Every structure is written in structure tokens, then in C-alpha cells.
Amino acid sequence: MTLEGLNHLLQEAETGLPNGHGWIEQTMSPKAMNLVSSRIRQNIVSDRFKQFEDEYMADSNPLA
């Protein structure tokens, strides 16, 4: 995945060259933060739903 306009530290940068790191005050781009947090939420919700579904199906299965 490529995030246009961000360097490898997920900061907004024009060149992406290492000599620019000292001048960038941003810790992490809001664009990158939103993407990362969205992916985390999707995976946590998906994993929790699967766990709930597995437990529910095990409890509801009359053959188990």
C-alpha cells in the first residue's frame, strides 16, 4: 500500500529523503492515523464477531 505524500515514518513530506526528518514536526499524518485506526477497528470487530459466532454456534448446536 502506498500513501501518497507520506514518507516511511508516515509523516507528510515533499521528498521522502532522510535529510528532511529533522525538519518535520509532525509525529504521524492524520491521513495515516485514520487509515491505521480504521484497519485496527475492522480487525478487532471482525475477530470479536467471529469469536461470538463460534461460541454461540457451539452453544446452539444440539449435536454437540
PDB file of N, CA and C in Angstrom:
ATOM      1  N   MET A   1       0.848  -1.172   0.000  1.00  0.00           N
ATOM      2  CA  MET A   1       0.000   0.000   0.000  1.00  0.00           C
ATOM      3  C   MET A   1       0.892   1.233   0.000  1.00  0.00           C
ATOM      4  N   THR A   2       0.517   2.190  -0.775  1.00  0.00           N
ATOM      5  CA  THR A   2       1.258   3.439  -0.856  1.00  0.00           C
ATOM      6  C   THR A   2       0.357   4.582  -0.432  1.00  0.00           C
ATOM      7  N   LEU A   3       0.867   5.405   0.455  1.00  0.00           N
ATOM      8  CA  LEU A   3       0.145   6.610   0.866  1.00  0.00           C
ATOM      9  C   LEU A   3       0.883   7.798   0.266  1.00  0.00           C
ATOM     10  N   GLU A   4       0.315   8.368  -0.754  1.00  0.00           N
ATOM     11  CA  GLU A   4       0.960   9.469  -1.474  1.00  0.00           C
ATOM     12  C   GLU A   4       1.227  10.645  -0.544  1.00  0.00           C
ATOM     13  N   GLY A   5       2.419  11.219  -0.677  1.00  0.00           N
ATOM     14  CA  GLY A   5       2.780  12.410   0.079  1.00  0.00           C
ATOM     15  C   GLY A   5       3.300  12.123   1.472  1.00  0.00           C
ATOM     16  N   LEU A   6       3.437  10.827   1.832  1.00  0.00           N
ATOM     17  CA  LEU A   6       3.950  10.474   3.157  1.00  0.00           C
ATOM     18  C   LEU A   6       5.288   9.758   3.016  1.00  0.00           C
ATOM     19  N   ASN A   7       6.173   9.975   3.993  1.00  0.00           N
ATOM     20  CA  ASN A   7       7.437   9.259   3.986  1.00  0.00           C
ATOM     21  C   ASN A   7       7.274   7.930   4.728  1.00  0.00           C
ATOM     22  N   HIS A   8       8.379   7.216   4.921  1.00  0.00           N
ATOM     23  CA  HIS A   8       8.306   5.901   5.551  1.00  0.00           C
ATOM     24  C   HIS A   8       7.980   5.972   7.045  1.00  0.00           C
ATOM     25  N   LEU A   9       8.006   7.175   7.620  1.00  0.00           N
ATOM     26  CA  LEU A   9       7.613   7.369   9.025  1.00  0.00           C
ATOM     27  C   LEU A   9       6.155   7.826   9.127  1.00  0.00           C
ATOM     28  N   LEU A  10       5.455   7.764   8.000  1.00  0.00           N
ATOM     29  CA  LEU A  10       4.042   8.160   7.902  1.00  0.00           C
ATOM     30  C   LEU A  10       3.822   9.627   8.239  1.00  0.00           C
ATOM     31  N   GLN A  11       4.788  10.438   7.861  1.00  0.00           N
ATOM     32  CA  GLN A  11       4.705  11.882   8.035  1.00  0.00           C
ATOM     33  C   GLN A  11       4.525  12.522   6.660  1.00  0.00           C
ATOM     34  N   GLU A  12       3.818  13.638   6.623  1.00  0.00           N
ATOM     35  CA  GLU A  12       3.683  14.369   5.368  1.00  0.00           C
ATOM     36  C   GLU A  12       5.040  14.944   5.002  1.00  0.00           C
ATOM     37  N   ALA A  13       5.518  14.626   3.801  1.00  0.00           N
ATOM     38  CA  ALA A  13       6.838  15.063   3.354  1.00  0.00           C
ATOM     39  C   ALA A  13       6.802  15.298   1.852  1.00  0.00           C
ATOM     40  N   GLU A  14       7.612  16.249   1.409  1.00  0.00           N
ATOM     41  CA  GLU A  14       7.645  16.552  -0.018  1.00  0.00           C
ATOM     42  C   GLU A  14       8.559  15.595  -0.766  1.00  0.00           C
ATOM     43  N   THR A  15       9.711  15.259  -0.194  1.00  0.00           N
ATOM     44  CA  THR A  15      10.678  14.444  -0.926  1.00  0.00           C
ATOM     45  C   THR A  15      10.788  13.019  -0.402  1.00  0.00           C
ATOM     46  N   GLY A  16      10.618  12.810   0.884  1.00  0.00           N
ATOM     47  CA  GLY A  16      10.820  11.491   1.468  1.00  0.00           C
ATOM     48  C   GLY A  16      12.277  11.186   1.739  1.00  0.00           C
ATOM     49  N   LEU A  17      13.148  12.147   1.503  1.00  0.00           N
ATOM     50  CA  LEU A  17      14.575  11.944   1.744  1.00  0.00           C
ATOM     51  C   LEU A  17      14.896  12.019   3.235  1.00  0.00           C
ATOM     52  N   PRO A  18      15.893  11.264   3.692  1.00  0.00           N
ATOM     53  CA  PRO A  18      16.239  11.244   5.122  1.00  0.00           C
ATOM     54  C   PRO A  18      16.630  12.602   5.688  1.00  0.00           C
ATOM     55  N   ASN A  19      17.205  13.480   4.875  1.00  0.00           N
ATOM     56  CA  ASN A  19      17.622  14.778   5.416  1.00  0.00           C
ATOM     57  C   ASN A  19      16.439  15.655   5.809  1.00  0.00           C
ATOM     58  N   GLY A  20      15.228  15.287   5.466  1.00  0.00           N
ATOM     59  CA  GLY A  20      14.049  16.056   5.846  1.00  0.00           C
ATOM     60  C   GLY A  20      13.472  15.684   7.195  1.00  0.00           C
ATOM     61  N   HIS A  21      13.900  14.564   7.766  1.00  0.00           N
ATOM     62  CA  HIS A  21      13.320  14.083   9.024  1.00  0.00           C
ATOM     63  C   HIS A  21      13.458  15.085  10.169  1.00  0.00           C
ATOM     64  N   GLY A  22      14.591  15.743  10.247  1.00  0.00           N
ATOM     65  CA  GLY A  22      14.824  16.682  11.345  1.00  0.00           C
ATOM     66  C   GLY A  22      13.953  17.914  11.297  1.00  0.00           C
ATOM     67  N   TRP A  23      13.381  18.198  10.150  1.00  0.00           N
ATOM     68  CA  TRP A  23      12.584  19.414   9.982  1.00  0.00           C
ATOM     69  C   TRP A  23      11.086  19.165  10.112  1.00  0.00           C
ATOM     70  N   ILE A  24      10.688  17.928  10.087  1.00  0.00           N
ATOM     71  CA  ILE A  24       9.258  17.616  10.147  1.00  0.00           C
ATOM     72  C   ILE A  24       8.832  17.526  11.610  1.00  0.00           C
ATOM     73  N   GLU A  25       7.888  18.357  11.993  1.00  0.00           N
ATOM     74  CA  GLU A  25       7.415  18.365  13.377  1.00  0.00           C
ATOM     75  C   GLU A  25       6.266  17.391  13.601  1.00  0.00           C
ATOM     76  N   GLN A  26       5.676  16.930  12.560  1.00  0.00           N
ATOM     77  CA  GLN A  26       4.521  16.033  12.649  1.00  0.00           C
ATOM     78  C   GLN A  26       4.979  14.634  13.089  1.00  0.00           C
ATOM     79  N   THR A  27       4.293  14.066  14.068  1.00  0.00           N
ATOM     80  CA  THR A  27       4.606  12.708  14.511  1.00  0.00           C
ATOM     81  C   THR A  27       4.059  11.693  13.528  1.00  0.00           C
ATOM     82  N   MET A  28       2.795  11.827  13.169  1.00  0.00           N
ATOM     83  CA  MET A  28       2.159  10.926  12.218  1.00  0.00           C
ATOM     84  C   MET A  28       1.042  11.686  11.516  1.00  0.00           C
ATOM     85  N   SER A  29       0.955  11.497  10.233  1.00  0.00           N
ATOM     86  CA  SER A  29      -0.066  12.177   9.446  1.00  0.00           C
ATOM     87  C   SER A  29      -1.462  11.752   9.890  1.00  0.00           C
ATOM     88  N   PRO A  30      -2.396  12.683  10.010  1.00  0.00           N
ATOM     89  CA  PRO A  30      -3.777  12.317  10.330  1.00  0.00           C
ATOM     90  C   PRO A  30      -4.356  11.338   9.302  1.00  0.00           C
ATOM     91  N   LYS A  31      -3.971  11.476   8.040  1.00  0.00           N
ATOM     92  CA  LYS A  31      -4.412  10.572   6.991  1.00  0.00           C
ATOM     93  C   LYS A  31      -3.969   9.142   7.317  1.00  0.00           C
ATOM     94  N   ALA A  32      -2.712   8.979   7.722  1.00  0.00           N
ATOM     95  CA  ALA A  32      -2.189   7.656   8.085  1.00  0.00           C
ATOM     96  C   ALA A  32      -2.838   7.149   9.373  1.00  0.00           C
ATOM     97  N   MET A  33      -3.006   8.038  10.330  1.00  0.00           N
ATOM     98  CA  MET A  33      -3.611   7.646  11.609  1.00  0.00           C
ATOM     99  C   MET A  33      -5.034   7.143  11.396  1.00  0.00           C
ATOM    100  N   ASN A  34      -5.796   7.817  10.571  1.00  0.00           N
ATOM    101  CA  ASN A  34      -7.171   7.386  10.286  1.00  0.00           C
ATOM    102  C   ASN A  34      -7.194   6.021   9.614  1.00  0.00           C
ATOM    103  N   LEU A  35      -6.283   5.811   8.670  1.00  0.00           N
ATOM    104  CA  LEU A  35      -6.233   4.528   7.973  1.00  0.00           C
ATOM    105  C   LEU A  35      -5.854   3.396   8.929  1.00  0.00           C
ATOM    106  N   VAL A  36      -4.814   3.613   9.722  1.00  0.00           N
ATOM    107  CA  VAL A  36      -4.354   2.587  10.665  1.00  0.00           C
ATOM    108  C   VAL A  36      -5.437   2.282  11.695  1.00  0.00           C
ATOM    109  N   SER A  37      -6.034   3.307  12.277  1.00  0.00           N
ATOM    110  CA  SER A  37      -7.056   3.071  13.294  1.00  0.00           C
ATOM    111  C   SER A  37      -8.291   2.401  12.701  1.00  0.00           C
ATOM    112  N   SER A  38      -8.625   2.743  11.474  1.00  0.00           N
ATOM    113  CA  SER A  38      -9.755   2.095  10.813  1.00  0.00           C
ATOM    114  C   SER A  38      -9.485   0.610  10.608  1.00  0.00           C
ATOM    115  N   ARG A  39      -8.281   0.276  10.159  1.00  0.00           N
ATOM    116  CA  ARG A  39      -7.926  -1.137   9.964  1.00  0.00           C
ATOM    117  C   ARG A  39      -7.938  -1.897  11.281  1.00  0.00           C
ATOM    118  N   ILE A  40      -7.447  -1.291  12.330  1.00  0.00           N
ATOM    119  CA  ILE A  40      -7.449  -1.939  13.647  1.00  0.00           C
ATOM    120  C   ILE A  40      -8.879  -2.196  14.091  1.00  0.00           C
ATOM    121  N   ARG A  41      -9.738  -1.177  13.968  1.00  0.00           N
ATOM    122  CA  ARG A  41     -11.138  -1.351  14.374  1.00  0.00           C
ATOM    123  C   ARG A  41     -11.814  -2.443  13.559  1.00  0.00           C
ATOM    124  N   GLN A  42     -11.565  -2.478  12.259  1.00  0.00           N
ATOM    125  CA  GLN A  42     -12.169  -3.513  11.411  1.00  0.00           C
ATOM    126  C   GLN A  42     -11.741  -4.904  11.865  1.00  0.00           C
ATOM    127  N   ASN A  43     -10.468  -5.073  12.166  1.00  0.00           N
ATOM    128  CA  ASN A  43      -9.962  -6.381  12.559  1.00  0.00           C
ATOM    129  C   ASN A  43     -10.449  -6.789  13.937  1.00  0.00           C
ATOM    130  N   ILE A  44     -10.512  -5.852  14.870  1.00  0.00           N
ATOM    131  CA  ILE A  44     -10.990  -6.177  16.215  1.00  0.00           C
ATOM    132  C   ILE A  44     -12.460  -6.548  16.163  1.00  0.00           C
ATOM    133  N   VAL A  45     -13.264  -5.769  15.462  1.00  0.00           N
ATOM    134  CA  VAL A  45     -14.691  -6.060  15.358  1.00  0.00           C
ATOM    135  C   VAL A  45     -14.886  -7.399  14.670  1.00  0.00           C
ATOM    136  N   SER A  46     -14.162  -7.640  13.602  1.00  0.00           N
ATOM    137  CA  SER A  46     -14.275  -8.895  12.876  1.00  0.00           C
ATOM    138  C   SER A  46     -13.893 -10.076  13.765  1.00  0.00           C
ATOM    139  N   ASP A  47     -12.783  -9.964  14.497  1.00  0.00           N
ATOM    140  CA  ASP A  47     -12.330 -11.047  15.377  1.00  0.00           C
ATOM    141  C   ASP A  47     -13.320 -11.284  16.515  1.00  0.00           C
ATOM    142  N   ARG A  48     -13.848 -10.214  17.092  1.00  0.00           N
ATOM    143  CA  ARG A  48     -14.801 -10.371  18.203  1.00  0.00           C
ATOM    144  C   ARG A  48     -16.104 -10.987  17.711  1.00  0.00           C
ATOM    145  N   PHE A  49     -16.555 -10.592  16.526  1.00  0.00           N
ATOM    146  CA  PHE A  49     -17.775 -11.169  15.977  1.00  0.00           C
ATOM    147  C   PHE A  49     -17.579 -12.653  15.711  1.00  0.00           C
ATOM    148  N   LYS A  50     -16.434 -13.025  15.146  1.00  0.00           N
ATOM    149  CA  LYS A  50     -16.158 -14.429  14.867  1.00  0.00           C
ATOM    150  C   LYS A  50     -16.132 -15.224  16.168  1.00  0.00           C
ATOM    151  N   GLN A  51     -15.503 -14.672  17.198  1.00  0.00           N
ATOM    152  CA  GLN A  51     -15.452 -15.354  18.497  1.00  0.00           C
ATOM    153  C   GLN A  51     -16.870 -15.527  19.048  1.00  0.00           C
ATOM    154  N   PHE A  52     -17.687 -14.483  18.979  1.00  0.00           N
ATOM    155  CA  PHE A  52     -19.063 -14.566  19.453  1.00  0.00           C
ATOM    156  C   PHE A  52     -19.841 -15.610  18.654  1.00  0.00           C
ATOM    157  N   GLU A  53     -19.680 -15.571  17.329  1.00  0.00           N
ATOM    158  CA  GLU A  53     -20.384 -16.502  16.460  1.00  0.00           C
ATOM    159  C   GLU A  53     -19.976 -17.946  16.777  1.00  0.00           C
ATOM    160  N   ASP A  54     -18.686 -18.183  16.952  1.00  0.00           N
ATOM    161  CA  ASP A  54     -18.198 -19.528  17.283  1.00  0.00           C
ATOM    162  C   ASP A  54     -18.775 -20.015  18.608  1.00  0.00           C
ATOM    163  N   GLU A  55     -18.789 -19.146  19.609  1.00  0.00           N
ATOM    164  CA  GLU A  55     -19.321 -19.523  20.923  1.00  0.00           C
ATOM    165  C   GLU A  55     -20.828 -19.754  20.854  1.00  0.00           C
ATOM    166  N   TYR A  56     -21.536 -18.899  20.135  1.00  0.00           N
ATOM    167  CA  TYR A  56     -22.985 -19.023  20.012  1.00  0.00           C
ATOM    168  C   TYR A  56     -23.352 -20.312  19.290  1.00  0.00           C
ATOM    169  N   MET A  57     -22.653 -20.572  18.195  1.00  0.00           N
ATOM    170  CA  MET A  57     -22.950 -21.779  17.422  1.00  0.00           C
ATOM    171  C   MET A  57     -22.650 -23.044  18.233  1.00  0.00           C
ATOM    172  N   ALA A  58     -21.613 -23.017  19.048  1.00  0.00           N
ATOM    173  CA  ALA A  58     -21.279 -24.182  19.872  1.00  0.00           C
ATOM    174  C   ALA A  58     -22.375 -24.398  20.925  1.00  0.00           C
ATOM    175  N   ASP A  59     -22.897 -23.309  21.496  1.00  0.00           N
ATOM    176  CA  ASP A  59     -23.945 -23.415  22.498  1.00  0.00           C
ATOM    177  C   ASP A  59     -25.284 -23.841  21.888  1.00  0.00           C
ATOM    178  N   SER A  60     -25.519 -23.480  20.625  1.00  0.00           N
ATOM    179  CA  SER A  60     -26.797 -23.737  19.979  1.00  0.00           C
ATOM    180  C   SER A  60     -26.855 -25.060  19.236  1.00  0.00           C
ATOM    181  N   ASN A  61     -25.752 -25.716  19.106  1.00  0.00           N
ATOM    182  CA  ASN A  61     -25.704 -26.953  18.326  1.00  0.00           C
ATOM    183  C   ASN A  61     -26.238 -28.121  19.152  1.00  0.00           C
ATOM    184  N   PRO A  62     -27.369 -28.680  18.792  1.00  0.00           N
ATOM    185  CA  PRO A  62     -27.941 -29.778  19.587  1.00  0.00           C
ATOM    186  C   PRO A  62     -27.144 -31.074  19.472  1.00  0.00           C
ATOM    187  N   LEU A  63     -26.280 -31.172  18.475  1.00  0.00           N
ATOM    188  CA  LEU A  63     -25.472 -32.382  18.312  1.00  0.00           C
ATOM    189  C   LEU A  63     -24.164 -32.333  19.090  1.00  0.00           C
ATOM    190  N   ALA A  64     -23.823 -31.176  19.620  1.00  0.00           N
ATOM    191  CA  ALA A  64     -22.543 -31.043  20.325  1.00  0.00           C
ATOM    192  C   ALA A  64     -22.621 -31.626  21.725  1.00  0.00           C
TER     193      ALA A  64
END
